[in-house]
Amino acid sequence: MIRKGFKMKLFKGMCEEYKKRHDNLWLEMIKMIHEHGGKNYSIFLDEETNTLFGYIELEDEELWNKSSETEICQKWWKYMADIMETNQDSSPISVELNEVFHLD
């Protein structure tokens, strides 16, 4: 199992909207995440900085990387682009974090 941590950034005042959208995560998006080997996915928010911290466990990083090519993922990115920092293709600006400690 591969553990991934990453951070993203919300626009000011968008914390509640971000949570609302994820509380109503599309079934197609859930299915795509699972089909691309994503499990135990959590996103945490630092409300002082509007920084999101994501954690996901992956079966296969190469398979996961292909998830960005799916129609549903690109649709989700466009849906979220008005509330967070994004790249020109609407993907969230995401900074991968290096694991420095793990304990089972």
N, C-alpha and C. Protein backbone atom coordinates (compact mmCIF):
# COMPACT_ATOMS: atom_id res chain seq x y z
N MET A 1 0.85 -1.18 0.00
CA MET A 1 0.00 0.00 0.00
C MET A 1 0.89 1.24 0.00
N ILE A 2 0.58 2.19 -0.85
CA ILE A 2 1.31 3.45 -0.97
C ILE A 2 0.50 4.53 -0.25
N ARG A 3 1.13 5.24 0.66
CA ARG A 3 0.47 6.34 1.37
C ARG A 3 0.91 7.66 0.74
N LYS A 4 -0.07 8.51 0.42
CA LYS A 4 0.23 9.81 -0.19
C LYS A 4 -0.37 10.92 0.66
N GLY A 5 0.41 11.94 0.89
CA GLY A 5 -0.06 13.16 1.54
C GLY A 5 0.18 14.32 0.60
N PHE A 6 -0.75 15.27 0.61
CA PHE A 6 -0.62 16.43 -0.27
C PHE A 6 -1.40 17.60 0.33
N LYS A 7 -1.08 18.80 -0.15
CA LYS A 7 -1.81 19.97 0.31
C LYS A 7 -2.33 20.77 -0.87
N MET A 8 -3.45 21.45 -0.62
CA MET A 8 -4.10 22.30 -1.61
C MET A 8 -4.57 23.55 -0.86
N LYS A 9 -5.11 24.51 -1.57
CA LYS A 9 -5.50 25.77 -0.94
C LYS A 9 -6.88 26.22 -1.42
N LEU A 10 -7.73 26.56 -0.45
CA LEU A 10 -9.05 27.11 -0.74
C LEU A 10 -8.97 28.63 -0.82
N PHE A 11 -9.90 29.22 -1.58
CA PHE A 11 -10.04 30.66 -1.54
C PHE A 11 -10.70 31.05 -0.21
N LYS A 12 -10.41 32.23 0.23
CA LYS A 12 -10.95 32.74 1.49
C LYS A 12 -12.48 32.64 1.48
N GLY A 13 -13.03 32.16 2.60
CA GLY A 13 -14.47 32.09 2.77
C GLY A 13 -15.13 30.88 2.11
N MET A 14 -14.35 29.95 1.58
CA MET A 14 -14.92 28.82 0.84
C MET A 14 -14.91 27.51 1.62
N CYS A 15 -14.58 27.55 2.90
CA CYS A 15 -14.49 26.32 3.70
C CYS A 15 -15.82 25.58 3.75
N GLU A 16 -16.89 26.28 4.06
CA GLU A 16 -18.21 25.63 4.17
C GLU A 16 -18.66 25.07 2.83
N GLU A 17 -18.42 25.79 1.76
CA GLU A 17 -18.81 25.32 0.43
C GLU A 17 -18.02 24.06 0.04
N TYR A 18 -16.73 24.05 0.36
CA TYR A 18 -15.90 22.88 0.06
C TYR A 18 -16.44 21.66 0.79
N LYS A 19 -16.74 21.82 2.07
CA LYS A 19 -17.28 20.71 2.86
C LYS A 19 -18.62 20.26 2.31
N LYS A 20 -19.48 21.20 1.96
CA LYS A 20 -20.80 20.86 1.41
C LYS A 20 -20.66 20.03 0.14
N ARG A 21 -19.77 20.44 -0.74
CA ARG A 21 -19.60 19.71 -2.00
C ARG A 21 -19.06 18.30 -1.76
N HIS A 22 -18.18 18.15 -0.79
CA HIS A 22 -17.64 16.82 -0.51
C HIS A 22 -18.63 15.97 0.29
N ASP A 23 -19.48 16.58 1.07
CA ASP A 23 -20.54 15.83 1.76
C ASP A 23 -21.51 15.23 0.74
N ASN A 24 -21.56 15.83 -0.44
CA ASN A 24 -22.43 15.36 -1.53
C ASN A 24 -21.61 14.86 -2.71
N LEU A 25 -20.49 14.22 -2.42
CA LEU A 25 -19.60 13.73 -3.47
C LEU A 25 -20.37 12.82 -4.43
N TRP A 26 -20.21 13.08 -5.71
CA TRP A 26 -20.91 12.33 -6.74
C TRP A 26 -20.55 10.85 -6.66
N LEU A 27 -21.54 9.98 -6.84
CA LEU A 27 -21.32 8.54 -6.82
C LEU A 27 -20.32 8.11 -7.89
N GLU A 28 -20.38 8.78 -9.05
CA GLU A 28 -19.44 8.46 -10.13
C GLU A 28 -18.00 8.76 -9.72
N MET A 29 -17.83 9.80 -8.91
CA MET A 29 -16.50 10.16 -8.44
C MET A 29 -15.99 9.13 -7.43
N ILE A 30 -16.86 8.71 -6.54
CA ILE A 30 -16.48 7.67 -5.57
C ILE A 30 -16.07 6.39 -6.30
N LYS A 31 -16.86 6.00 -7.29
CA LYS A 31 -16.58 4.79 -8.07
C LYS A 31 -15.23 4.92 -8.78
N MET A 32 -14.97 6.07 -9.38
CA MET A 32 -13.71 6.28 -10.10
C MET A 32 -12.53 6.18 -9.14
N ILE A 33 -12.63 6.78 -7.96
CA ILE A 33 -11.54 6.73 -6.98
C ILE A 33 -11.23 5.27 -6.63
N HIS A 34 -12.27 4.50 -6.35
CA HIS A 34 -12.07 3.10 -6.00
C HIS A 34 -11.53 2.30 -7.18
N GLU A 35 -12.04 2.54 -8.38
CA GLU A 35 -11.56 1.81 -9.57
C GLU A 35 -10.10 2.11 -9.88
N HIS A 36 -9.61 3.25 -9.45
CA HIS A 36 -8.21 3.62 -9.68
C HIS A 36 -7.34 3.35 -8.45
N GLY A 37 -7.86 2.51 -7.54
CA GLY A 37 -7.05 2.01 -6.43
C GLY A 37 -6.95 2.92 -5.23
N GLY A 38 -7.78 3.95 -5.13
CA GLY A 38 -7.75 4.86 -3.98
C GLY A 38 -8.59 4.33 -2.82
N LYS A 39 -8.01 4.34 -1.63
CA LYS A 39 -8.71 3.89 -0.42
C LYS A 39 -8.32 4.77 0.76
N ASN A 40 -9.15 4.71 1.78
CA ASN A 40 -8.85 5.41 3.04
C ASN A 40 -8.47 6.88 2.76
N TYR A 41 -9.33 7.57 2.03
CA TYR A 41 -9.08 8.94 1.56
C TYR A 41 -9.68 9.92 2.56
N SER A 42 -8.86 10.82 3.05
CA SER A 42 -9.31 11.86 3.97
C SER A 42 -8.74 13.19 3.54
N ILE A 43 -9.50 14.25 3.80
CA ILE A 43 -9.02 15.61 3.57
C ILE A 43 -9.30 16.40 4.83
N PHE A 44 -8.29 17.08 5.32
CA PHE A 44 -8.39 17.89 6.53
C PHE A 44 -8.21 19.36 6.16
N LEU A 45 -8.76 20.24 6.97
CA LEU A 45 -8.70 21.67 6.69
C LEU A 45 -8.08 22.43 7.86
N ASP A 46 -7.12 23.29 7.55
CA ASP A 46 -6.60 24.27 8.51
C ASP A 46 -7.34 25.57 8.22
N GLU A 47 -8.35 25.88 9.03
CA GLU A 47 -9.21 27.03 8.78
C GLU A 47 -8.47 28.37 8.89
N GLU A 48 -7.37 28.42 9.63
CA GLU A 48 -6.61 29.66 9.76
C GLU A 48 -5.92 30.03 8.45
N THR A 49 -5.52 29.04 7.68
CA THR A 49 -4.75 29.30 6.45
C THR A 49 -5.50 28.90 5.18
N ASN A 50 -6.67 28.27 5.33
CA ASN A 50 -7.43 27.72 4.20
C ASN A 50 -6.65 26.64 3.45
N THR A 51 -5.72 26.01 4.14
CA THR A 51 -4.93 24.93 3.56
C THR A 51 -5.62 23.60 3.81
N LEU A 52 -5.74 22.81 2.75
CA LEU A 52 -6.29 21.47 2.84
C LEU A 52 -5.13 20.48 2.87
N PHE A 53 -5.25 19.46 3.72
CA PHE A 53 -4.28 18.38 3.75
C PHE A 53 -5.01 17.11 3.36
N GLY A 54 -4.57 16.49 2.28
CA GLY A 54 -5.19 15.26 1.81
C GLY A 54 -4.30 14.07 2.11
N TYR A 55 -4.96 12.94 2.39
CA TYR A 55 -4.26 11.68 2.62
C TYR A 55 -5.03 10.59 1.88
N ILE A 56 -4.33 9.77 1.13
CA ILE A 56 -4.95 8.66 0.43
C ILE A 56 -3.98 7.49 0.39
N GLU A 57 -4.56 6.30 0.43
CA GLU A 57 -3.77 5.09 0.27
C GLU A 57 -4.06 4.53 -1.12
N LEU A 58 -3.01 4.14 -1.81
CA LEU A 58 -3.12 3.69 -3.20
C LEU A 58 -2.59 2.27 -3.35
N GLU A 59 -3.24 1.52 -4.23
CA GLU A 59 -2.76 0.19 -4.56
C GLU A 59 -1.61 0.28 -5.57
N ASP A 60 -1.73 1.22 -6.51
CA ASP A 60 -0.78 1.31 -7.62
C ASP A 60 -0.73 2.77 -8.07
N GLU A 61 0.41 3.39 -7.92
CA GLU A 61 0.53 4.81 -8.25
C GLU A 61 0.30 5.09 -9.73
N GLU A 62 0.75 4.20 -10.59
CA GLU A 62 0.55 4.38 -12.03
C GLU A 62 -0.94 4.35 -12.38
N LEU A 63 -1.67 3.42 -11.79
CA LEU A 63 -3.12 3.35 -12.00
C LEU A 63 -3.78 4.63 -11.49
N TRP A 64 -3.38 5.08 -10.31
CA TRP A 64 -3.96 6.30 -9.73
C TRP A 64 -3.72 7.51 -10.62
N ASN A 65 -2.53 7.61 -11.18
CA ASN A 65 -2.20 8.75 -12.03
C ASN A 65 -3.11 8.83 -13.25
N LYS A 66 -3.64 7.71 -13.69
CA LYS A 66 -4.55 7.69 -14.83
C LYS A 66 -5.93 8.23 -14.47
N SER A 67 -6.24 8.35 -13.19
CA SER A 67 -7.55 8.86 -12.78
C SER A 67 -7.77 10.29 -13.27
N SER A 68 -6.71 11.06 -13.40
CA SER A 68 -6.85 12.45 -13.85
C SER A 68 -7.31 12.55 -15.30
N GLU A 69 -7.20 11.48 -16.04
CA GLU A 69 -7.61 11.46 -17.44
C GLU A 69 -9.09 11.13 -17.61
N THR A 70 -9.76 10.75 -16.53
CA THR A 70 -11.17 10.36 -16.65
C THR A 70 -12.07 11.58 -16.81
N GLU A 71 -13.15 11.37 -17.51
CA GLU A 71 -14.11 12.44 -17.74
C GLU A 71 -14.69 12.95 -16.42
N ILE A 72 -14.98 12.04 -15.49
CA ILE A 72 -15.60 12.46 -14.22
C ILE A 72 -14.62 13.27 -13.37
N CYS A 73 -13.36 12.92 -13.39
CA CYS A 73 -12.37 13.69 -12.64
C CYS A 73 -12.25 15.10 -13.20
N GLN A 74 -12.19 15.22 -14.50
CA GLN A 74 -12.07 16.55 -15.11
C GLN A 74 -13.33 17.38 -14.88
N LYS A 75 -14.48 16.72 -14.87
CA LYS A 75 -15.72 17.42 -14.56
C LYS A 75 -15.71 17.92 -13.11
N TRP A 76 -15.20 17.08 -12.19
CA TRP A 76 -15.11 17.47 -10.78
C TRP A 76 -14.17 18.67 -10.61
N TRP A 77 -13.02 18.62 -11.29
CA TRP A 77 -12.08 19.74 -11.20
C TRP A 77 -12.75 21.05 -11.62
N LYS A 78 -13.47 21.02 -12.70
CA LYS A 78 -14.15 22.24 -13.17
C LYS A 78 -15.19 22.72 -12.16
N TYR A 79 -15.89 21.78 -11.55
CA TYR A 79 -16.89 22.08 -10.53
C TYR A 79 -16.25 22.75 -9.31
N MET A 80 -15.03 22.37 -8.98
CA MET A 80 -14.36 22.88 -7.78
C MET A 80 -13.51 24.12 -8.04
N ALA A 81 -13.27 24.45 -9.29
CA ALA A 81 -12.32 25.51 -9.65
C ALA A 81 -12.70 26.90 -9.13
N ASP A 82 -13.98 27.13 -8.84
CA ASP A 82 -14.37 28.46 -8.37
C ASP A 82 -14.13 28.67 -6.88
N ILE A 83 -13.70 27.61 -6.16
CA ILE A 83 -13.51 27.78 -4.72
C ILE A 83 -12.10 27.46 -4.23
N MET A 84 -11.20 27.11 -5.17
CA MET A 84 -9.84 26.77 -4.74
C MET A 84 -8.81 27.13 -5.81
N GLU A 85 -7.57 27.17 -5.40
CA GLU A 85 -6.49 27.47 -6.33
C GLU A 85 -6.33 26.30 -7.31
N THR A 86 -6.27 26.63 -8.61
CA THR A 86 -6.18 25.60 -9.64
C THR A 86 -5.14 25.95 -10.69
N ASN A 87 -4.76 24.94 -11.43
CA ASN A 87 -3.91 25.10 -12.60
C ASN A 87 -4.79 25.50 -13.79
N GLN A 88 -4.19 25.78 -14.93
CA GLN A 88 -4.95 26.22 -16.09
C GLN A 88 -5.94 25.17 -16.60
N ASP A 89 -5.67 23.89 -16.33
CA ASP A 89 -6.59 22.82 -16.76
C ASP A 89 -7.67 22.55 -15.72
N SER A 90 -7.79 23.41 -14.72
CA SER A 90 -8.76 23.32 -13.61
C SER A 90 -8.38 22.30 -12.55
N SER A 91 -7.29 21.57 -12.73
CA SER A 91 -6.85 20.65 -11.68
C SER A 91 -6.40 21.48 -10.47
N PRO A 92 -6.63 20.96 -9.26
CA PRO A 92 -6.20 21.72 -8.09
C PRO A 92 -4.68 21.83 -8.04
N ILE A 93 -4.20 22.98 -7.63
CA ILE A 93 -2.77 23.10 -7.37
C ILE A 93 -2.51 22.26 -6.14
N SER A 94 -1.71 21.23 -6.31
CA SER A 94 -1.50 20.25 -5.26
C SER A 94 0.00 20.05 -5.06
N VAL A 95 0.42 20.12 -3.82
CA VAL A 95 1.83 19.95 -3.49
C VAL A 95 1.96 18.63 -2.73
N GLU A 96 2.72 17.71 -3.30
CA GLU A 96 2.93 16.42 -2.63
C GLU A 96 3.81 16.63 -1.41
N LEU A 97 3.47 15.95 -0.34
CA LEU A 97 4.22 16.05 0.91
C LEU A 97 5.02 14.76 1.12
N ASN A 98 6.22 14.90 1.67
CA ASN A 98 7.07 13.75 1.94
C ASN A 98 6.73 13.17 3.31
N GLU A 99 6.55 11.87 3.36
CA GLU A 99 6.30 11.21 4.64
C GLU A 99 7.59 11.19 5.44
N VAL A 100 7.54 11.67 6.67
CA VAL A 100 8.72 11.67 7.53
C VAL A 100 8.55 10.75 8.75
N PHE A 101 7.33 10.24 8.95
CA PHE A 101 7.09 9.30 10.07
C PHE A 101 5.80 8.54 9.79
N HIS A 102 5.81 7.27 10.16
CA HIS A 102 4.61 6.43 10.08
C HIS A 102 4.67 5.39 11.18
N LEU A 103 3.53 5.14 11.80
CA LEU A 103 3.41 4.11 12.83
C LEU A 103 2.11 3.38 12.64
N ASP A 104 2.14 2.08 12.48
CA ASP A 104 0.92 1.27 12.42
C ASP A 104 0.48 0.92 13.82
